[in-house]
Amino acid sequence: MTPDDVPARIDRLFAARGGGEYHGEAVTQLEHALQAAHFAEQDGQPAEWVAAALLHDIGHLLHGHGEDYLEHGLNDRHEDLGARFLAHAFGPAVTEPIRLHVPAKRYLTIVRADYFGLLSPASVRSLELQGGPMSAEEVREFEANPHFAAAAQVREYDDRAKVVGLATPPFAHFRTYLEASLRGA
């Protein structure tokens, strides 16, 4: 796959699979992605962060585990799958927050006393499958990554992006962020 193929594949993935349930939540995959990107845009984040927020769960659209993978006790490793796929066209400013958004959940449960209580039941279940809260050593390693702050922020957008009926711009609106974040753009 070439870098030029990735944006078209992203469009096809969301068109084909974006209407699917977002794993135990009351929004679709597409609604979840649009809400996360919308929150990042509202906060005035750089194009790469908006792109990462939009695409943070694209790995769910790539794997074949089905929408009920959590019920089967599977950790789908969607963060790694998505980051590897997107690395064909995007640099680390986009792919690292995506790769790290699951560890960011594990991180936030330790560094923010109120965070765990904000998680939805599906997020609590996936947290268990993803290793639970980080150890002190894992926290130090995570904070040493130059993209940890972006990952933590994308994670926060992920957690908020589950609002039934929230009006957001359409997917086409966010293509400018994707185009601005492409390698060599």
C-alpha atoms as a PDB file:
ATOM      1  CA  MET A   1       0.000   0.000   0.000  1.00  0.00           C
ATOM      2  CA  THR A   2       1.351   3.434  -0.905  1.00  0.00           C
ATOM      3  CA  PRO A   3       0.839   6.630   1.109  1.00  0.00           C
ATOM      4  CA  ASP A   4      -1.567   7.851  -1.564  1.00  0.00           C
ATOM      5  CA  ASP A   5      -3.782   4.765  -1.072  1.00  0.00           C
ATOM      6  CA  VAL A   6      -4.358   5.310   2.645  1.00  0.00           C
ATOM      7  CA  PRO A   7      -6.814   8.287   2.591  1.00  0.00           C
ATOM      8  CA  ALA A   8      -9.036   6.508   0.054  1.00  0.00           C
ATOM      9  CA  ARG A   9      -8.931   3.333   2.151  1.00  0.00           C
ATOM     10  CA  ILE A  10      -9.860   5.353   5.250  1.00  0.00           C
ATOM     11  CA  ASP A  11     -12.884   6.743   3.394  1.00  0.00           C
ATOM     12  CA  ARG A  12     -13.920   3.233   2.313  1.00  0.00           C
ATOM     13  CA  LEU A  13     -13.495   1.798   5.809  1.00  0.00           C
ATOM     14  CA  PHE A  14     -15.710   4.424   7.405  1.00  0.00           C
ATOM     15  CA  ALA A  15     -18.272   4.122   4.593  1.00  0.00           C
ATOM     16  CA  ALA A  16     -18.413   0.337   4.904  1.00  0.00           C
ATOM     17  CA  ARG A  17     -17.978  -0.211   8.646  1.00  0.00           C
ATOM     18  CA  GLY A  18     -18.485   3.154  10.335  1.00  0.00           C
ATOM     19  CA  GLY A  19     -22.174   2.499  10.910  1.00  0.00           C
ATOM     20  CA  GLY A  20     -21.390  -0.435  13.176  1.00  0.00           C
ATOM     21  CA  GLU A  21     -21.886  -0.323  16.921  1.00  0.00           C
ATOM     22  CA  TYR A  22     -19.073   1.236  18.897  1.00  0.00           C
ATOM     23  CA  HIS A  23     -18.432  -1.719  21.219  1.00  0.00           C
ATOM     24  CA  GLY A  24     -21.102  -1.570  23.861  1.00  0.00           C
ATOM     25  CA  GLU A  25     -21.762   2.165  23.531  1.00  0.00           C
ATOM     26  CA  ALA A  26     -24.861   3.898  22.170  1.00  0.00           C
ATOM     27  CA  VAL A  27     -23.004   5.513  19.233  1.00  0.00           C
ATOM     28  CA  THR A  28     -21.607   4.136  15.984  1.00  0.00           C
ATOM     29  CA  GLN A  29     -17.946   3.880  15.085  1.00  0.00           C
ATOM     30  CA  LEU A  30     -18.332   6.897  12.784  1.00  0.00           C
ATOM     31  CA  GLU A  31     -20.179   8.988  15.375  1.00  0.00           C
ATOM     32  CA  HIS A  32     -17.475   8.182  17.918  1.00  0.00           C
ATOM     33  CA  ALA A  33     -14.686   9.190  15.518  1.00  0.00           C
ATOM     34  CA  LEU A  34     -16.437  12.413  14.478  1.00  0.00           C
ATOM     35  CA  GLN A  35     -17.125  13.408  18.083  1.00  0.00           C
ATOM     36  CA  ALA A  36     -13.502  12.853  19.120  1.00  0.00           C
ATOM     37  CA  ALA A  37     -12.236  14.921  16.180  1.00  0.00           C
ATOM     38  CA  HIS A  38     -14.865  17.592  16.858  1.00  0.00           C
ATOM     39  CA  PHE A  39     -13.698  17.960  20.467  1.00  0.00           C
ATOM     40  CA  ALA A  40     -10.063  18.222  19.340  1.00  0.00           C
ATOM     41  CA  GLU A  41     -10.983  20.850  16.767  1.00  0.00           C
ATOM     42  CA  GLN A  42     -13.028  22.813  19.312  1.00  0.00           C
ATOM     43  CA  ASP A  43      -9.984  22.853  21.602  1.00  0.00           C
ATOM     44  CA  GLY A  44      -7.855  24.303  18.791  1.00  0.00           C
ATOM     45  CA  GLN A  45      -5.514  21.332  18.642  1.00  0.00           C
ATOM     46  CA  PRO A  46      -2.979  20.990  15.807  1.00  0.00           C
ATOM     47  CA  ALA A  47      -4.043  19.160  12.637  1.00  0.00           C
ATOM     48  CA  GLU A  48      -2.132  16.012  13.672  1.00  0.00           C
ATOM     49  CA  TRP A  49      -4.029  15.786  16.962  1.00  0.00           C
ATOM     50  CA  VAL A  50      -7.386  16.261  15.217  1.00  0.00           C
ATOM     51  CA  ALA A  51      -6.393  13.573  12.704  1.00  0.00           C
ATOM     52  CA  ALA A  52      -5.317  11.258  15.548  1.00  0.00           C
ATOM     53  CA  ALA A  53      -8.597  11.873  17.379  1.00  0.00           C
ATOM     54  CA  LEU A  54     -10.559  11.071  14.208  1.00  0.00           C
ATOM     55  CA  LEU A  55      -8.580   7.909  13.477  1.00  0.00           C
ATOM     56  CA  HIS A  56      -7.717   6.668  16.975  1.00  0.00           C
ATOM     57  CA  ASP A  57      -9.985   3.613  16.679  1.00  0.00           C
ATOM     58  CA  ILE A  58      -9.506   2.807  13.002  1.00  0.00           C
ATOM     59  CA  GLY A  59      -7.990  -0.500  14.067  1.00  0.00           C
ATOM     60  CA  HIS A  60     -11.510  -1.590  15.074  1.00  0.00           C
ATOM     61  CA  LEU A  61     -12.514  -1.173  11.424  1.00  0.00           C
ATOM     62  CA  LEU A  62      -9.522  -3.183  10.227  1.00  0.00           C
ATOM     63  CA  HIS A  63      -9.691  -6.302  12.387  1.00  0.00           C
ATOM     64  CA  GLY A  64     -12.057  -9.192  11.885  1.00  0.00           C
ATOM     65  CA  HIS A  65     -12.980  -9.867  15.513  1.00  0.00           C
ATOM     66  CA  GLY A  66     -16.527  -8.548  15.147  1.00  0.00           C
ATOM     67  CA  GLU A  67     -18.343  -5.986  17.257  1.00  0.00           C
ATOM     68  CA  ASP A  68     -18.703  -8.352  20.218  1.00  0.00           C
ATOM     69  CA  TYR A  69     -14.998  -9.054  20.770  1.00  0.00           C
ATOM     70  CA  LEU A  70     -15.167  -7.714  24.359  1.00  0.00           C
ATOM     71  CA  GLU A  71     -17.853 -10.256  25.219  1.00  0.00           C
ATOM     72  CA  HIS A  72     -15.408 -12.982  24.171  1.00  0.00           C
ATOM     73  CA  GLY A  73     -12.657 -11.621  26.407  1.00  0.00           C
ATOM     74  CA  LEU A  74     -10.452 -10.480  23.508  1.00  0.00           C
ATOM     75  CA  ASN A  75      -7.985  -7.621  23.546  1.00  0.00           C
ATOM     76  CA  ASP A  76      -8.130  -6.691  19.869  1.00  0.00           C
ATOM     77  CA  ARG A  77      -4.904  -4.614  19.955  1.00  0.00           C
ATOM     78  CA  HIS A  78      -6.668  -2.124  17.672  1.00  0.00           C
ATOM     79  CA  GLU A  79      -4.270   0.644  18.674  1.00  0.00           C
ATOM     80  CA  ASP A  80      -1.284  -1.217  17.214  1.00  0.00           C
ATOM     81  CA  LEU A  81      -3.161  -2.375  14.134  1.00  0.00           C
ATOM     82  CA  GLY A  82      -4.384   1.151  13.410  1.00  0.00           C
ATOM     83  CA  ALA A  83      -0.993   2.780  13.965  1.00  0.00           C
ATOM     84  CA  ARG A  84       0.743   0.265  11.675  1.00  0.00           C
ATOM     85  CA  PHE A  85      -1.830   0.810   8.931  1.00  0.00           C
ATOM     86  CA  LEU A  86      -1.656   4.598   9.196  1.00  0.00           C
ATOM     87  CA  ALA A  87       2.163   4.674   9.274  1.00  0.00           C
ATOM     88  CA  HIS A  88       2.049   4.120   5.508  1.00  0.00           C
ATOM     89  CA  ALA A  89       0.857   7.723   5.130  1.00  0.00           C
ATOM     90  CA  PHE A  90       1.217   9.580   8.439  1.00  0.00           C
ATOM     91  CA  GLY A  91       4.141  10.371  10.703  1.00  0.00           C
ATOM     92  CA  PRO A  92       4.536   9.818  14.428  1.00  0.00           C
ATOM     93  CA  ALA A  93       2.614  12.993  15.350  1.00  0.00           C
ATOM     94  CA  VAL A  94      -0.518  11.114  14.190  1.00  0.00           C
ATOM     95  CA  THR A  95       0.384   7.447  14.667  1.00  0.00           C
ATOM     96  CA  GLU A  96       1.952   7.623  18.132  1.00  0.00           C
ATOM     97  CA  PRO A  97      -1.066   9.165  19.904  1.00  0.00           C
ATOM     98  CA  ILE A  98      -3.145   6.445  18.227  1.00  0.00           C
ATOM     99  CA  ARG A  99      -0.750   3.673  19.255  1.00  0.00           C
ATOM    100  CA  LEU A 100      -0.590   5.084  22.777  1.00  0.00           C
ATOM    101  CA  HIS A 101      -4.252   5.902  23.407  1.00  0.00           C
ATOM    102  CA  VAL A 102      -4.849   2.545  25.119  1.00  0.00           C
ATOM    103  CA  PRO A 103      -1.784   2.869  27.367  1.00  0.00           C
ATOM    104  CA  ALA A 104      -3.023   6.421  28.030  1.00  0.00           C
ATOM    105  CA  LYS A 105      -6.200   4.988  29.563  1.00  0.00           C
ATOM    106  CA  ARG A 106      -4.072   2.766  31.780  1.00  0.00           C
ATOM    107  CA  TYR A 107      -1.953   5.836  32.632  1.00  0.00           C
ATOM    108  CA  LEU A 108      -4.860   8.155  33.424  1.00  0.00           C
ATOM    109  CA  THR A 109      -6.376   5.650  35.854  1.00  0.00           C
ATOM    110  CA  ILE A 110      -3.250   6.086  37.998  1.00  0.00           C
ATOM    111  CA  VAL A 111      -2.468   9.810  37.657  1.00  0.00           C
ATOM    112  CA  ARG A 112      -6.049  11.170  37.875  1.00  0.00           C
ATOM    113  CA  ALA A 113      -8.036  10.102  40.928  1.00  0.00           C
ATOM    114  CA  ASP A 114     -11.405  10.805  39.237  1.00  0.00           C
ATOM    115  CA  TYR A 115     -10.620   9.175  35.896  1.00  0.00           C
ATOM    116  CA  PHE A 116     -11.734   5.586  36.528  1.00  0.00           C
ATOM    117  CA  GLY A 117     -15.168   6.801  37.620  1.00  0.00           C
ATOM    118  CA  LEU A 118     -15.616   8.541  34.268  1.00  0.00           C
ATOM    119  CA  LEU A 119     -15.151   5.348  32.234  1.00  0.00           C
ATOM    120  CA  SER A 120     -18.123   3.661  30.617  1.00  0.00           C
ATOM    121  CA  PRO A 121     -18.775  -0.002  31.468  1.00  0.00           C
ATOM    122  CA  ALA A 122     -17.322  -1.073  28.097  1.00  0.00           C
ATOM    123  CA  SER A 123     -14.173   0.987  28.770  1.00  0.00           C
ATOM    124  CA  VAL A 124     -13.806  -0.580  32.210  1.00  0.00           C
ATOM    125  CA  ARG A 125     -14.072  -4.051  30.642  1.00  0.00           C
ATOM    126  CA  SER A 126     -11.525  -3.236  27.946  1.00  0.00           C
ATOM    127  CA  LEU A 127      -9.197  -1.744  30.576  1.00  0.00           C
ATOM    128  CA  GLU A 128      -9.143  -5.130  32.305  1.00  0.00           C
ATOM    129  CA  LEU A 129      -8.253  -6.856  29.025  1.00  0.00           C
ATOM    130  CA  GLN A 130      -5.589  -4.240  28.248  1.00  0.00           C
ATOM    131  CA  GLY A 131      -3.619  -4.787  31.452  1.00  0.00           C
ATOM    132  CA  GLY A 132      -5.371  -2.592  34.001  1.00  0.00           C
ATOM    133  CA  PRO A 133      -3.825   0.499  35.572  1.00  0.00           C
ATOM    134  CA  MET A 134      -0.127   1.117  34.947  1.00  0.00           C
ATOM    135  CA  SER A 135       2.586   0.355  37.444  1.00  0.00           C
ATOM    136  CA  ALA A 136       4.842   3.164  38.664  1.00  0.00           C
ATOM    137  CA  GLU A 137       7.562   1.992  36.263  1.00  0.00           C
ATOM    138  CA  GLU A 138       5.117   1.970  33.334  1.00  0.00           C
ATOM    139  CA  VAL A 139       4.034   5.515  34.243  1.00  0.00           C
ATOM    140  CA  ARG A 140       7.657   6.707  34.100  1.00  0.00           C
ATOM    141  CA  GLU A 141       8.195   4.993  30.741  1.00  0.00           C
ATOM    142  CA  PHE A 142       4.962   6.410  29.345  1.00  0.00           C
ATOM    143  CA  GLU A 143       5.805   9.952  30.431  1.00  0.00           C
ATOM    144  CA  ALA A 144       9.220   9.625  28.774  1.00  0.00           C
ATOM    145  CA  ASN A 145       7.578   9.215  25.364  1.00  0.00           C
ATOM    146  CA  PRO A 146       7.530  12.550  23.475  1.00  0.00           C
ATOM    147  CA  HIS A 147       3.935  11.852  22.371  1.00  0.00           C
ATOM    148  CA  PHE A 148       2.489  10.992  25.781  1.00  0.00           C
ATOM    149  CA  ALA A 149       0.653  14.329  26.213  1.00  0.00           C
ATOM    150  CA  ALA A 150      -1.003  14.019  22.796  1.00  0.00           C
ATOM    151  CA  ALA A 151      -1.937  10.406  23.564  1.00  0.00           C
ATOM    152  CA  ALA A 152      -3.485  11.365  26.902  1.00  0.00           C
ATOM    153  CA  GLN A 153      -5.480  14.143  25.241  1.00  0.00           C
ATOM    154  CA  VAL A 154      -6.677  11.860  22.432  1.00  0.00           C
ATOM    155  CA  ARG A 155      -7.703   9.399  25.151  1.00  0.00           C
ATOM    156  CA  GLU A 156      -9.743  12.105  26.860  1.00  0.00           C
ATOM    157  CA  TYR A 157     -11.501  12.873  23.560  1.00  0.00           C
ATOM    158  CA  ASP A 158     -12.107   9.140  23.113  1.00  0.00           C
ATOM    159  CA  ASP A 159     -13.758   8.928  26.527  1.00  0.00           C
ATOM    160  CA  ARG A 160     -16.001  11.939  25.853  1.00  0.00           C
ATOM    161  CA  ALA A 161     -16.992  10.844  22.329  1.00  0.00           C
ATOM    162  CA  LYS A 162     -19.980   8.702  23.280  1.00  0.00           C
ATOM    163  CA  VAL A 163     -22.799  11.261  23.265  1.00  0.00           C
ATOM    164  CA  VAL A 164     -25.991  10.075  21.613  1.00  0.00           C
ATOM    165  CA  GLY A 165     -27.250  12.565  19.048  1.00  0.00           C
ATOM    166  CA  LEU A 166     -24.371  15.043  19.324  1.00  0.00           C
ATOM    167  CA  ALA A 167     -24.227  17.175  16.174  1.00  0.00           C
ATOM    168  CA  THR A 168     -20.777  17.234  14.557  1.00  0.00           C
ATOM    169  CA  PRO A 169     -19.431  18.237  11.182  1.00  0.00           C
ATOM    170  CA  PRO A 170     -19.478  15.389   8.626  1.00  0.00           C
ATOM    171  CA  PHE A 171     -16.479  13.207   7.870  1.00  0.00           C
ATOM    172  CA  ALA A 172     -15.638  15.312   4.789  1.00  0.00           C
ATOM    173  CA  HIS A 173     -15.047  18.314   7.064  1.00  0.00           C
ATOM    174  CA  PHE A 174     -12.143  16.537   8.751  1.00  0.00           C
ATOM    175  CA  ARG A 175     -10.407  15.486   5.506  1.00  0.00           C
ATOM    176  CA  THR A 176      -8.494  18.786   5.545  1.00  0.00           C
ATOM    177  CA  TYR A 177      -6.872  17.705   8.833  1.00  0.00           C
ATOM    178  CA  LEU A 178      -5.960  14.351   7.329  1.00  0.00           C
ATOM    179  CA  GLU A 179      -4.518  15.975   4.211  1.00  0.00           C
ATOM    180  CA  ALA A 180      -2.523  18.479   6.284  1.00  0.00           C
ATOM    181  CA  SER A 181      -1.096  15.624   8.366  1.00  0.00           C
ATOM    182  CA  LEU A 182       0.027  13.355   5.524  1.00  0.00           C
ATOM    183  CA  ARG A 183       3.740  12.651   5.258  1.00  0.00           C
ATOM    184  CA  GLY A 184       5.273  15.278   3.034  1.00  0.00           C
ATOM    185  CA  ALA A 185       2.235  17.563   3.217  1.00  0.00           C
END
